[in-house]
Amino acid sequence: MSTARALIHLPAAIERGSVFEIRTTIAHPMETGHRRDSAGVLLPRDVVTRFECRLDGVLVFAADLHPAIAANPYLAFTLRAERPGELSFLWEGDRGFRHQETRRLAFA
């Protein structure tokens, strides 16, 4: 598990069966592996390569990320839920990076 900082935004009020937006971002440098430091040494690649969101263990959204993605990757997607449950968010990447968070999905 990482010590990365992730922000997850869910609407304050969600109605059963309605479509709502989820926004996420995670603090991560997304180093491509093509840049050099001031001494000319190649910086190692360090990229978040996969994001997944699951509702009660069922995959509801996934994205494969690549070095062209900016630092602190931001993702927004929509979801429609018919019942409350637990949303889990997982970011995985190079060099063993793995960060997971959960949020309770409740209806207004």
PDB file of N, CA and C in Angstrom:
ATOM      1  N   MET A   1       0.848  -1.172   0.000  1.00  0.00           N
ATOM      2  CA  MET A   1       0.000   0.000   0.000  1.00  0.00           C
ATOM      3  C   MET A   1       0.893   1.234   0.000  1.00  0.00           C
ATOM      4  N   SER A   2       0.484   2.253  -0.682  1.00  0.00           N
ATOM      5  CA  SER A   2       1.295   3.459  -0.801  1.00  0.00           C
ATOM      6  C   SER A   2       0.842   4.515   0.197  1.00  0.00           C
ATOM      7  N   THR A   3       1.618   5.581   0.252  1.00  0.00           N
ATOM      8  CA  THR A   3       1.234   6.732   1.067  1.00  0.00           C
ATOM      9  C   THR A   3       0.768   7.867   0.164  1.00  0.00           C
ATOM     10  N   ALA A   4       0.408   7.551  -1.065  1.00  0.00           N
ATOM     11  CA  ALA A   4      -0.058   8.555  -2.012  1.00  0.00           C
ATOM     12  C   ALA A   4      -1.337   9.198  -1.498  1.00  0.00           C
ATOM     13  N   ARG A   5      -1.586  10.400  -1.958  1.00  0.00           N
ATOM     14  CA  ARG A   5      -2.807  11.115  -1.584  1.00  0.00           C
ATOM     15  C   ARG A   5      -3.757  11.081  -2.767  1.00  0.00           C
ATOM     16  N   ALA A   6      -4.934  10.520  -2.541  1.00  0.00           N
ATOM     17  CA  ALA A   6      -5.956  10.463  -3.581  1.00  0.00           C
ATOM     18  C   ALA A   6      -7.149  11.306  -3.157  1.00  0.00           C
ATOM     19  N   LEU A   7      -7.767  11.955  -4.116  1.00  0.00           N
ATOM     20  CA  LEU A   7      -9.001  12.695  -3.885  1.00  0.00           C
ATOM     21  C   LEU A   7     -10.100  12.028  -4.691  1.00  0.00           C
ATOM     22  N   ILE A   8     -11.223  11.774  -4.039  1.00  0.00           N
ATOM     23  CA  ILE A   8     -12.369  11.140  -4.689  1.00  0.00           C
ATOM     24  C   ILE A   8     -13.581  12.000  -4.402  1.00  0.00           C
ATOM     25  N   HIS A   9     -14.270  12.419  -5.452  1.00  0.00           N
ATOM     26  CA  HIS A   9     -15.444  13.267  -5.264  1.00  0.00           C
ATOM     27  C   HIS A   9     -16.690  12.536  -5.758  1.00  0.00           C
ATOM     28  N   LEU A  10     -17.626  12.349  -4.842  1.00  0.00           N
ATOM     29  CA  LEU A  10     -18.946  11.800  -5.158  1.00  0.00           C
ATOM     30  C   LEU A  10     -19.973  12.891  -4.903  1.00  0.00           C
ATOM     31  N   PRO A  11     -21.088  12.903  -5.625  1.00  0.00           N
ATOM     32  CA  PRO A  11     -22.124  13.907  -5.352  1.00  0.00           C
ATOM     33  C   PRO A  11     -22.645  13.782  -3.919  1.00  0.00           C
ATOM     34  N   ALA A  12     -23.076  14.906  -3.365  1.00  0.00           N
ATOM     35  CA  ALA A  12     -23.608  14.910  -1.999  1.00  0.00           C
ATOM     36  C   ALA A  12     -24.896  14.099  -1.904  1.00  0.00           C
ATOM     37  N   ALA A  13     -25.699  14.140  -2.954  1.00  0.00           N
ATOM     38  CA  ALA A  13     -26.972  13.400  -2.950  1.00  0.00           C
ATOM     39  C   ALA A  13     -27.072  12.589  -4.238  1.00  0.00           C
ATOM     40  N   ILE A  14     -27.256  11.291  -4.086  1.00  0.00           N
ATOM     41  CA  ILE A  14     -27.388  10.393  -5.237  1.00  0.00           C
ATOM     42  C   ILE A  14     -28.749   9.722  -5.149  1.00  0.00           C
ATOM     43  N   GLU A  15     -29.481   9.751  -6.260  1.00  0.00           N
ATOM     44  CA  GLU A  15     -30.785   9.092  -6.293  1.00  0.00           C
ATOM     45  C   GLU A  15     -30.645   7.711  -6.920  1.00  0.00           C
ATOM     46  N   ARG A  16     -31.363   6.753  -6.370  1.00  0.00           N
ATOM     47  CA  ARG A  16     -31.338   5.380  -6.874  1.00  0.00           C
ATOM     48  C   ARG A  16     -31.667   5.371  -8.379  1.00  0.00           C
ATOM     49  N   GLY A  17     -30.820   4.722  -9.163  1.00  0.00           N
ATOM     50  CA  GLY A  17     -31.049   4.582 -10.593  1.00  0.00           C
ATOM     51  C   GLY A  17     -30.629   5.763 -11.440  1.00  0.00           C
ATOM     52  N   SER A  18     -30.214   6.865 -10.832  1.00  0.00           N
ATOM     53  CA  SER A  18     -29.799   8.027 -11.620  1.00  0.00           C
ATOM     54  C   SER A  18     -28.315   7.902 -11.975  1.00  0.00           C
ATOM     55  N   VAL A  19     -27.931   8.559 -13.055  1.00  0.00           N
ATOM     56  CA  VAL A  19     -26.529   8.586 -13.485  1.00  0.00           C
ATOM     57  C   VAL A  19     -25.833   9.720 -12.733  1.00  0.00           C
ATOM     58  N   PHE A  20     -24.677   9.427 -12.161  1.00  0.00           N
ATOM     59  CA  PHE A  20     -23.917  10.449 -11.433  1.00  0.00           C
ATOM     60  C   PHE A  20     -22.451  10.348 -11.822  1.00  0.00           C
ATOM     61  N   GLU A  21     -21.720  11.424 -11.563  1.00  0.00           N
ATOM     62  CA  GLU A  21     -20.311  11.492 -11.930  1.00  0.00           C
ATOM     63  C   GLU A  21     -19.422  11.249 -10.715  1.00  0.00           C
ATOM     64  N   ILE A  22     -18.354  10.501 -10.938  1.00  0.00           N
ATOM     65  CA  ILE A  22     -17.311  10.270  -9.949  1.00  0.00           C
ATOM     66  C   ILE A  22     -16.035  10.891 -10.504  1.00  0.00           C
ATOM     67  N   ARG A  23     -15.351  11.683  -9.672  1.00  0.00           N
ATOM     68  CA  ARG A  23     -14.093  12.308 -10.090  1.00  0.00           C
ATOM     69  C   ARG A  23     -12.987  11.866  -9.141  1.00  0.00           C
ATOM     70  N   THR A  24     -11.852  11.483  -9.710  1.00  0.00           N
ATOM     71  CA  THR A  24     -10.715  11.046  -8.893  1.00  0.00           C
ATOM     72  C   THR A  24      -9.427  11.681  -9.397  1.00  0.00           C
ATOM     73  N   THR A  25      -8.515  11.873  -8.490  1.00  0.00           N
ATOM     74  CA  THR A  25      -7.155  12.260  -8.837  1.00  0.00           C
ATOM     75  C   THR A  25      -6.225  11.687  -7.776  1.00  0.00           C
ATOM     76  N   ILE A  26      -5.008  11.416  -8.171  1.00  0.00           N
ATOM     77  CA  ILE A  26      -4.024  10.884  -7.235  1.00  0.00           C
ATOM     78  C   ILE A  26      -2.710  11.631  -7.438  1.00  0.00           C
ATOM     79  N   ALA A  27      -2.072  11.958  -6.335  1.00  0.00           N
ATOM     80  CA  ALA A  27      -0.777  12.645  -6.394  1.00  0.00           C
ATOM     81  C   ALA A  27       0.294  11.631  -6.800  1.00  0.00           C
ATOM     82  N   HIS A  28       0.810  11.796  -8.002  1.00  0.00           N
ATOM     83  CA  HIS A  28       1.827  10.884  -8.527  1.00  0.00           C
ATOM     84  C   HIS A  28       2.604  11.604  -9.622  1.00  0.00           C
ATOM     85  N   PRO A  29       3.945  11.503  -9.640  1.00  0.00           N
ATOM     86  CA  PRO A  29       4.743  12.275 -10.592  1.00  0.00           C
ATOM     87  C   PRO A  29       4.631  11.833 -12.049  1.00  0.00           C
ATOM     88  N   MET A  30       4.269  10.584 -12.319  1.00  0.00           N
ATOM     89  CA  MET A  30       4.160  10.061 -13.688  1.00  0.00           C
ATOM     90  C   MET A  30       5.426  10.349 -14.501  1.00  0.00           C
ATOM     91  N   GLU A  31       6.546   9.835 -14.038  1.00  0.00           N
ATOM     92  CA  GLU A  31       7.825  10.002 -14.735  1.00  0.00           C
ATOM     93  C   GLU A  31       7.896   9.034 -15.914  1.00  0.00           C
ATOM     94  N   THR A  32       8.147   9.538 -17.117  1.00  0.00           N
ATOM     95  CA  THR A  32       8.097   8.745 -18.346  1.00  0.00           C
ATOM     96  C   THR A  32       9.268   7.790 -18.536  1.00  0.00           C
ATOM     97  N   GLY A  33      10.397   8.083 -17.913  1.00  0.00           N
ATOM     98  CA  GLY A  33      11.588   7.272 -18.127  1.00  0.00           C
ATOM     99  C   GLY A  33      12.431   7.784 -19.279  1.00  0.00           C
ATOM    100  N   HIS A  34      12.047   8.923 -19.866  1.00  0.00           N
ATOM    101  CA  HIS A  34      12.782   9.500 -20.988  1.00  0.00           C
ATOM    102  C   HIS A  34      13.544  10.771 -20.604  1.00  0.00           C
ATOM    103  N   ARG A  35      13.283  11.303 -19.427  1.00  0.00           N
ATOM    104  CA  ARG A  35      13.946  12.538 -19.007  1.00  0.00           C
ATOM    105  C   ARG A  35      15.226  12.231 -18.225  1.00  0.00           C
ATOM    106  N   ARG A  36      16.100  13.233 -18.189  1.00  0.00           N
ATOM    107  CA  ARG A  36      17.359  13.108 -17.445  1.00  0.00           C
ATOM    108  C   ARG A  36      17.391  14.148 -16.328  1.00  0.00           C
ATOM    109  N   ASP A  37      18.091  13.824 -15.259  1.00  0.00           N
ATOM    110  CA  ASP A  37      18.241  14.792 -14.171  1.00  0.00           C
ATOM    111  C   ASP A  37      19.342  15.790 -14.537  1.00  0.00           C
ATOM    112  N   SER A  38      19.668  16.698 -13.616  1.00  0.00           N
ATOM    113  CA  SER A  38      20.665  17.747 -13.903  1.00  0.00           C
ATOM    114  C   SER A  38      22.060  17.183 -14.151  1.00  0.00           C
ATOM    115  N   ALA A  39      22.322  15.951 -13.690  1.00  0.00           N
ATOM    116  CA  ALA A  39      23.621  15.318 -13.931  1.00  0.00           C
ATOM    117  C   ALA A  39      23.619  14.475 -15.207  1.00  0.00           C
ATOM    118  N   GLY A  40      22.500  14.457 -15.914  1.00  0.00           N
ATOM    119  CA  GLY A  40      22.418  13.702 -17.149  1.00  0.00           C
ATOM    120  C   GLY A  40      22.021  12.244 -16.983  1.00  0.00           C
ATOM    121  N   VAL A  41      21.686  11.849 -15.754  1.00  0.00           N
ATOM    122  CA  VAL A  41      21.291  10.468 -15.485  1.00  0.00           C
ATOM    123  C   VAL A  41      19.813  10.290 -15.833  1.00  0.00           C
ATOM    124  N   LEU A  42      19.518   9.235 -16.559  1.00  0.00           N
ATOM    125  CA  LEU A  42      18.145   8.951 -16.960  1.00  0.00           C
ATOM    126  C   LEU A  42      17.290   8.649 -15.728  1.00  0.00           C
ATOM    127  N   LEU A  43      16.183   9.363 -15.591  1.00  0.00           N
ATOM    128  CA  LEU A  43      15.265   9.128 -14.477  1.00  0.00           C
ATOM    129  C   LEU A  43      14.455   7.868 -14.758  1.00  0.00           C
ATOM    130  N   PRO A  44      14.318   6.973 -13.778  1.00  0.00           N
ATOM    131  CA  PRO A  44      13.574   5.731 -14.030  1.00  0.00           C
ATOM    132  C   PRO A  44      12.079   5.987 -14.242  1.00  0.00           C
ATOM    133  N   ARG A  45      11.498   5.177 -15.094  1.00  0.00           N
ATOM    134  CA  ARG A  45      10.066   5.282 -15.368  1.00  0.00           C
ATOM    135  C   ARG A  45       9.281   4.987 -14.080  1.00  0.00           C
ATOM    136  N   ASP A  46       8.259   5.789 -13.835  1.00  0.00           N
ATOM    137  CA  ASP A  46       7.395   5.620 -12.663  1.00  0.00           C
ATOM    138  C   ASP A  46       6.007   6.132 -13.042  1.00  0.00           C
ATOM    139  N   VAL A  47       5.173   5.231 -13.568  1.00  0.00           N
ATOM    140  CA  VAL A  47       3.878   5.595 -14.136  1.00  0.00           C
ATOM    141  C   VAL A  47       2.773   4.781 -13.478  1.00  0.00           C
ATOM    142  N   VAL A  48       1.652   5.437 -13.192  1.00  0.00           N
ATOM    143  CA  VAL A  48       0.444   4.704 -12.809  1.00  0.00           C
ATOM    144  C   VAL A  48      -0.065   4.073 -14.097  1.00  0.00           C
ATOM    145  N   THR A  49      -0.210   2.756 -14.108  1.00  0.00           N
ATOM    146  CA  THR A  49      -0.561   2.059 -15.351  1.00  0.00           C
ATOM    147  C   THR A  49      -2.005   1.566 -15.393  1.00  0.00           C
ATOM    148  N   ARG A  50      -2.671   1.514 -14.244  1.00  0.00           N
ATOM    149  CA  ARG A  50      -4.024   0.939 -14.215  1.00  0.00           C
ATOM    150  C   ARG A  50      -4.842   1.600 -13.116  1.00  0.00           C
ATOM    151  N   PHE A  51      -6.093   1.899 -13.442  1.00  0.00           N
ATOM    152  CA  PHE A  51      -7.063   2.384 -12.461  1.00  0.00           C
ATOM    153  C   PHE A  51      -8.307   1.519 -12.584  1.00  0.00           C
ATOM    154  N   GLU A  52      -8.866   1.123 -11.435  1.00  0.00           N
ATOM    155  CA  GLU A  52     -10.103   0.350 -11.422  1.00  0.00           C
ATOM    156  C   GLU A  52     -11.022   0.889 -10.342  1.00  0.00           C
ATOM    157  N   CYS A  53     -12.312   0.856 -10.644  1.00  0.00           N
ATOM    158  CA  CYS A  53     -13.340   1.169  -9.661  1.00  0.00           C
ATOM    159  C   CYS A  53     -14.298  -0.010  -9.629  1.00  0.00           C
ATOM    160  N   ARG A  54     -14.585  -0.494  -8.426  1.00  0.00           N
ATOM    161  CA  ARG A  54     -15.497  -1.624  -8.249  1.00  0.00           C
ATOM    162  C   ARG A  54     -16.607  -1.233  -7.283  1.00  0.00           C
ATOM    163  N   LEU A  55     -17.802  -1.730  -7.552  1.00  0.00           N
ATOM    164  CA  LEU A  55     -18.936  -1.572  -6.650  1.00  0.00           C
ATOM    165  C   LEU A  55     -19.253  -2.947  -6.093  1.00  0.00           C
ATOM    166  N   ASP A  56     -19.054  -3.110  -4.797  1.00  0.00           N
ATOM    167  CA  ASP A  56     -19.236  -4.401  -4.137  1.00  0.00           C
ATOM    168  C   ASP A  56     -18.498  -5.519  -4.860  1.00  0.00           C
ATOM    169  N   GLY A  57     -17.270  -5.226  -5.290  1.00  0.00           N
ATOM    170  CA  GLY A  57     -16.414  -6.220  -5.926  1.00  0.00           C
ATOM    171  C   GLY A  57     -16.609  -6.395  -7.419  1.00  0.00           C
ATOM    172  N   VAL A  58     -17.620  -5.748  -7.991  1.00  0.00           N
ATOM    173  CA  VAL A  58     -17.896  -5.853  -9.429  1.00  0.00           C
ATOM    174  C   VAL A  58     -17.252  -4.667 -10.142  1.00  0.00           C
ATOM    175  N   LEU A  59     -16.415  -4.946 -11.136  1.00  0.00           N
ATOM    176  CA  LEU A  59     -15.744  -3.893 -11.891  1.00  0.00           C
ATOM    177  C   LEU A  59     -16.774  -3.036 -12.620  1.00  0.00           C
ATOM    178  N   VAL A  60     -16.765  -1.713 -12.348  1.00  0.00           N
ATOM    179  CA  VAL A  60     -17.700  -0.809 -13.016  1.00  0.00           C
ATOM    180  C   VAL A  60     -16.992   0.189 -13.923  1.00  0.00           C
ATOM    181  N   PHE A  61     -15.673   0.368 -13.736  1.00  0.00           N
ATOM    182  CA  PHE A  61     -14.894   1.255 -14.593  1.00  0.00           C
ATOM    183  C   PHE A  61     -13.429   0.867 -14.474  1.00  0.00           C
ATOM    184  N   ALA A  62     -12.705   0.910 -15.586  1.00  0.00           N
ATOM    185  CA  ALA A  62     -11.265   0.644 -15.580  1.00  0.00           C
ATOM    186  C   ALA A  62     -10.610   1.475 -16.674  1.00  0.00           C
ATOM    187  N   ALA A  63      -9.362   1.828 -16.442  1.00  0.00           N
ATOM    188  CA  ALA A  63      -8.593   2.577 -17.443  1.00  0.00           C
ATOM    189  C   ALA A  63      -7.139   2.132 -17.372  1.00  0.00           C
ATOM    190  N   ASP A  64      -6.538   1.920 -18.543  1.00  0.00           N
ATOM    191  CA  ASP A  64      -5.108   1.663 -18.650  1.00  0.00           C
ATOM    192  C   ASP A  64      -4.450   3.000 -18.976  1.00  0.00           C
ATOM    193  N   LEU A  65      -3.459   3.395 -18.185  1.00  0.00           N
ATOM    194  CA  LEU A  65      -2.792   4.675 -18.340  1.00  0.00           C
ATOM    195  C   LEU A  65      -1.402   4.458 -18.926  1.00  0.00           C
ATOM    196  N   HIS A  66      -0.882   5.487 -19.602  1.00  0.00           N
ATOM    197  CA  HIS A  66       0.390   5.392 -20.306  1.00  0.00           C
ATOM    198  C   HIS A  66       1.265   6.586 -19.957  1.00  0.00           C
ATOM    199  N   PRO A  67       2.546   6.565 -20.302  1.00  0.00           N
ATOM    200  CA  PRO A  67       3.452   7.654 -19.938  1.00  0.00           C
ATOM    201  C   PRO A  67       3.020   9.040 -20.423  1.00  0.00           C
ATOM    202  N   ALA A  68       2.181   9.143 -21.421  1.00  0.00           N
ATOM    203  CA  ALA A  68       1.750  10.447 -21.920  1.00  0.00           C
ATOM    204  C   ALA A  68       0.741  11.127 -20.991  1.00  0.00           C
ATOM    205  N   ILE A  69       0.232  10.434 -19.988  1.00  0.00           N
ATOM    206  CA  ILE A  69      -0.693  11.017 -19.026  1.00  0.00           C
ATOM    207  C   ILE A  69       0.073  11.978 -18.121  1.00  0.00           C
ATOM    208  N   ALA A  70      -0.537  13.101 -17.798  1.00  0.00           N
ATOM    209  CA  ALA A  70       0.105  14.109 -16.960  1.00  0.00           C
ATOM    210  C   ALA A  70       0.306  13.616 -15.529  1.00  0.00           C
ATOM    211  N   ALA A  71       1.176  14.292 -14.826  1.00  0.00           N
ATOM    212  CA  ALA A  71       1.355  14.014 -13.396  1.00  0.00           C
ATOM    213  C   ALA A  71       0.019  14.218 -12.685  1.00  0.00           C
ATOM    214  N   ASN A  72      -0.158  13.527 -11.581  1.00  0.00           N
ATOM    215  CA  ASN A  72      -1.387  13.611 -10.784  1.00  0.00           C
ATOM    216  C   ASN A  72      -2.612  13.292 -11.638  1.00  0.00           C
ATOM    217  N   PRO A  73      -2.676  12.090 -12.194  1.00  0.00           N
ATOM    218  CA  PRO A  73      -3.739  11.758 -13.143  1.00  0.00           C
ATOM    219  C   PRO A  73      -5.147  11.958 -12.570  1.00  0.00           C
ATOM    220  N   TYR A  74      -5.976  12.606 -13.383  1.00  0.00           N
ATOM    221  CA  TYR A  74      -7.366  12.915 -13.052  1.00  0.00           C
ATOM    222  C   TYR A  74      -8.267  12.078 -13.950  1.00  0.00           C
ATOM    223  N   LEU A  75      -9.237  11.412 -13.352  1.00  0.00           N
ATOM    224  CA  LEU A  75     -10.209  10.632 -14.121  1.00  0.00           C
ATOM    225  C   LEU A  75     -11.605  10.988 -13.652  1.00  0.00           C
ATOM    226  N   ALA A  76     -12.520  11.123 -14.598  1.00  0.00           N
ATOM    227  CA  ALA A  76     -13.927  11.348 -14.284  1.00  0.00           C
ATOM    228  C   ALA A  76     -14.737  10.365 -15.123  1.00  0.00           C
ATOM    229  N   PHE A  77     -15.735   9.763 -14.509  1.00  0.00           N
ATOM    230  CA  PHE A  77     -16.577   8.810 -15.216  1.00  0.00           C
ATOM    231  C   PHE A  77     -17.949   8.804 -14.568  1.00  0.00           C
ATOM    232  N   THR A  78     -18.927   8.269 -15.292  1.00  0.00           N
ATOM    233  CA  THR A  78     -20.288   8.216 -14.768  1.00  0.00           C
ATOM    234  C   THR A  78     -20.650   6.790 -14.379  1.00  0.00           C
ATOM    235  N   LEU A  79     -21.618   6.712 -13.489  1.00  0.00           N
ATOM    236  CA  LEU A  79     -22.060   5.428 -12.969  1.00  0.00           C
ATOM    237  C   LEU A  79     -23.552   5.528 -12.659  1.00  0.00           C
ATOM    238  N   ARG A  80     -24.238   4.430 -12.796  1.00  0.00           N
ATOM    239  CA  ARG A  80     -25.628   4.340 -12.348  1.00  0.00           C
ATOM    240  C   ARG A  80     -25.707   3.152 -11.405  1.00  0.00           C
ATOM    241  N   ALA A  81     -26.213   3.372 -10.212  1.00  0.00           N
ATOM    242  CA  ALA A  81     -26.308   2.305  -9.213  1.00  0.00           C
ATOM    243  C   ALA A  81     -27.760   2.126  -8.789  1.00  0.00           C
ATOM    244  N   GLU A  82     -28.148   0.891  -8.646  1.00  0.00           N
ATOM    245  CA  GLU A  82     -29.506   0.565  -8.228  1.00  0.00           C
ATOM    246  C   GLU A  82     -29.601   0.262  -6.733  1.00  0.00           C
ATOM    247  N   ARG A  83     -28.436   0.094  -6.102  1.00  0.00           N
ATOM    248  CA  ARG A  83     -28.454  -0.211  -4.667  1.00  0.00           C
ATOM    249  C   ARG A  83     -27.211   0.384  -4.018  1.00  0.00           C
ATOM    250  N   PRO A  84     -27.278   0.659  -2.716  1.00  0.00           N
ATOM    251  CA  PRO A  84     -26.087   1.158  -2.032  1.00  0.00           C
ATOM    252  C   PRO A  84     -25.023   0.069  -1.964  1.00  0.00           C
ATOM    253  N   GLY A  85     -23.824   0.457  -1.662  1.00  0.00           N
ATOM    254  CA  GLY A  85     -22.738  -0.513  -1.559  1.00  0.00           C
ATOM    255  C   GLY A  85     -21.423   0.178  -1.294  1.00  0.00           C
ATOM    256  N   GLU A  86     -20.340  -0.579  -1.462  1.00  0.00           N
ATOM    257  CA  GLU A  86     -19.005  -0.047  -1.232  1.00  0.00           C
ATOM    258  C   GLU A  86     -18.277   0.115  -2.554  1.00  0.00           C
ATOM    259  N   LEU A  87     -17.808   1.329  -2.804  1.00  0.00           N
ATOM    260  CA  LEU A  87     -16.983   1.600  -3.977  1.00  0.00           C
ATOM    261  C   LEU A  87     -15.526   1.445  -3.571  1.00  0.00           C
ATOM    262  N   SER A  88     -14.769   0.681  -4.336  1.00  0.00           N
ATOM    263  CA  SER A  88     -13.328   0.578  -4.089  1.00  0.00           C
ATOM    264  C   SER A  88     -12.597   1.115  -5.313  1.00  0.00           C
ATOM    265  N   PHE A  89     -11.557   1.862  -5.053  1.00  0.00           N
ATOM    266  CA  PHE A  89     -10.755   2.513  -6.089  1.00  0.00           C
ATOM    267  C   PHE A  89      -9.333   1.995  -5.963  1.00  0.00           C
ATOM    268  N   LEU A  90      -8.748   1.561  -7.071  1.00  0.00           N
ATOM    269  CA  LEU A  90      -7.410   0.985  -7.061  1.00  0.00           C
ATOM    270  C   LEU A  90      -6.573   1.613  -8.165  1.00  0.00           C
ATOM    271  N   TRP A  91      -5.412   2.108  -7.779  1.00  0.00           N
ATOM    272  CA  TRP A  91      -4.405   2.597  -8.714  1.00  0.00           C
ATOM    273  C   TRP A  91      -3.208   1.673  -8.602  1.00  0.00           C
ATOM    274  N   GLU A  92      -2.673   1.211  -9.728  1.00  0.00           N
ATOM    275  CA  GLU A  92      -1.478   0.372  -9.752  1.00  0.00           C
ATOM    276  C   GLU A  92      -0.503   0.941 -10.765  1.00  0.00           C
ATOM    277  N   GLY A  93       0.795   0.689 -10.520  1.00  0.00           N
ATOM    278  CA  GLY A  93       1.775   1.232 -11.444  1.00  0.00           C
ATOM    279  C   GLY A  93       3.121   0.580 -11.334  1.00  0.00           C
ATOM    280  N   ASP A  94       4.086   1.234 -11.967  1.00  0.00           N
ATOM    281  CA  ASP A  94       5.457   0.761 -12.005  1.00  0.00           C
ATOM    282  C   ASP A  94       6.062   0.728 -10.613  1.00  0.00           C
ATOM    283  N   ARG A  95       7.115  -0.054 -10.489  1.00  0.00           N
ATOM    284  CA  ARG A  95       7.921  -0.124  -9.271  1.00  0.00           C
ATOM    285  C   ARG A  95       7.085  -0.536  -8.062  1.00  0.00           C
ATOM    286  N   GLY A  96       6.050  -1.356  -8.308  1.00  0.00           N
ATOM    287  CA  GLY A  96       5.240  -1.885  -7.215  1.00  0.00           C
ATOM    288  C   GLY A  96       4.214  -0.922  -6.656  1.00  0.00           C
ATOM    289  N   PHE A  97       3.970   0.191  -7.346  1.00  0.00           N
ATOM    290  CA  PHE A  97       3.005   1.167  -6.829  1.00  0.00           C
ATOM    291  C   PHE A  97       1.601   0.560  -6.781  1.00  0.00           C
ATOM    292  N   ARG A  98       0.942   0.755  -5.649  1.00  0.00           N
ATOM    293  CA  ARG A  98      -0.430   0.273  -5.461  1.00  0.00           C
ATOM    294  C   ARG A  98      -1.076   1.135  -4.380  1.00  0.00           C
ATOM    295  N   HIS A  99      -2.215   1.724  -4.713  1.00  0.00           N
ATOM    296  CA  HIS A  99      -2.948   2.541  -3.741  1.00  0.00           C
ATOM    297  C   HIS A  99      -4.426   2.210  -3.872  1.00  0.00           C
ATOM    298  N   GLN A 100      -5.077   1.936  -2.745  1.00  0.00           N
ATOM    299  CA  GLN A 100      -6.495   1.576  -2.763  1.00  0.00           C
ATOM    300  C   GLN A 100      -7.241   2.384  -1.708  1.00  0.00           C
ATOM    301  N   GLU A 101      -8.428   2.824  -2.068  1.00  0.00           N
ATOM    302  CA  GLU A 101      -9.317   3.526  -1.140  1.00  0.00           C
ATOM    303  C   GLU A 101     -10.734   3.032  -1.354  1.00  0.00           C
ATOM    304  N   THR A 102     -11.565   3.205  -0.344  1.00  0.00           N
ATOM    305  CA  THR A 102     -12.972   2.818  -0.450  1.00  0.00           C
ATOM    306  C   THR A 102     -13.850   3.975   0.007  1.00  0.00           C
ATOM    307  N   ARG A 103     -15.058   4.004  -0.543  1.00  0.00           N
ATOM    308  CA  ARG A 103     -16.065   4.962  -0.154  1.00  0.00           C
ATOM    309  C   ARG A 103     -17.405   4.247  -0.111  1.00  0.00           C
ATOM    310  N   ARG A 104     -18.236   4.624   0.816  1.00  0.00           N
ATOM    311  CA  ARG A 104     -19.577   4.059   0.918  1.00  0.00           C
ATOM    312  C   ARG A 104     -20.495   4.794  -0.034  1.00  0.00           C
ATOM    313  N   LEU A 105     -21.224   4.064  -0.847  1.00  0.00           N
ATOM    314  CA  LEU A 105     -22.194   4.640  -1.770  1.00  0.00           C
ATOM    315  C   LEU A 105     -23.566   4.548  -1.104  1.00  0.00           C
ATOM    316  N   ALA A 106     -24.146   5.688  -0.830  1.00  0.00           N
ATOM    317  CA  ALA A 106     -25.471   5.727  -0.187  1.00  0.00           C
ATOM    318  C   ALA A 106     -26.378   6.638  -0.999  1.00  0.00           C
ATOM    319  N   PHE A 107     -27.657   6.401  -0.908  1.00  0.00           N
ATOM    320  CA  PHE A 107     -28.630   7.199  -1.649  1.00  0.00           C
ATOM    321  C   PHE A 107     -29.255   8.263  -0.754  1.00  0.00           C
ATOM    322  N   ALA A 108     -29.676   9.343  -1.395  1.00  0.00           N
ATOM    323  CA  ALA A 108     -30.316  10.449  -0.677  1.00  0.00           C
ATOM    324  C   ALA A 108     -31.714  10.061  -0.235  1.00  0.00           C
TER     325      ALA A 108
END
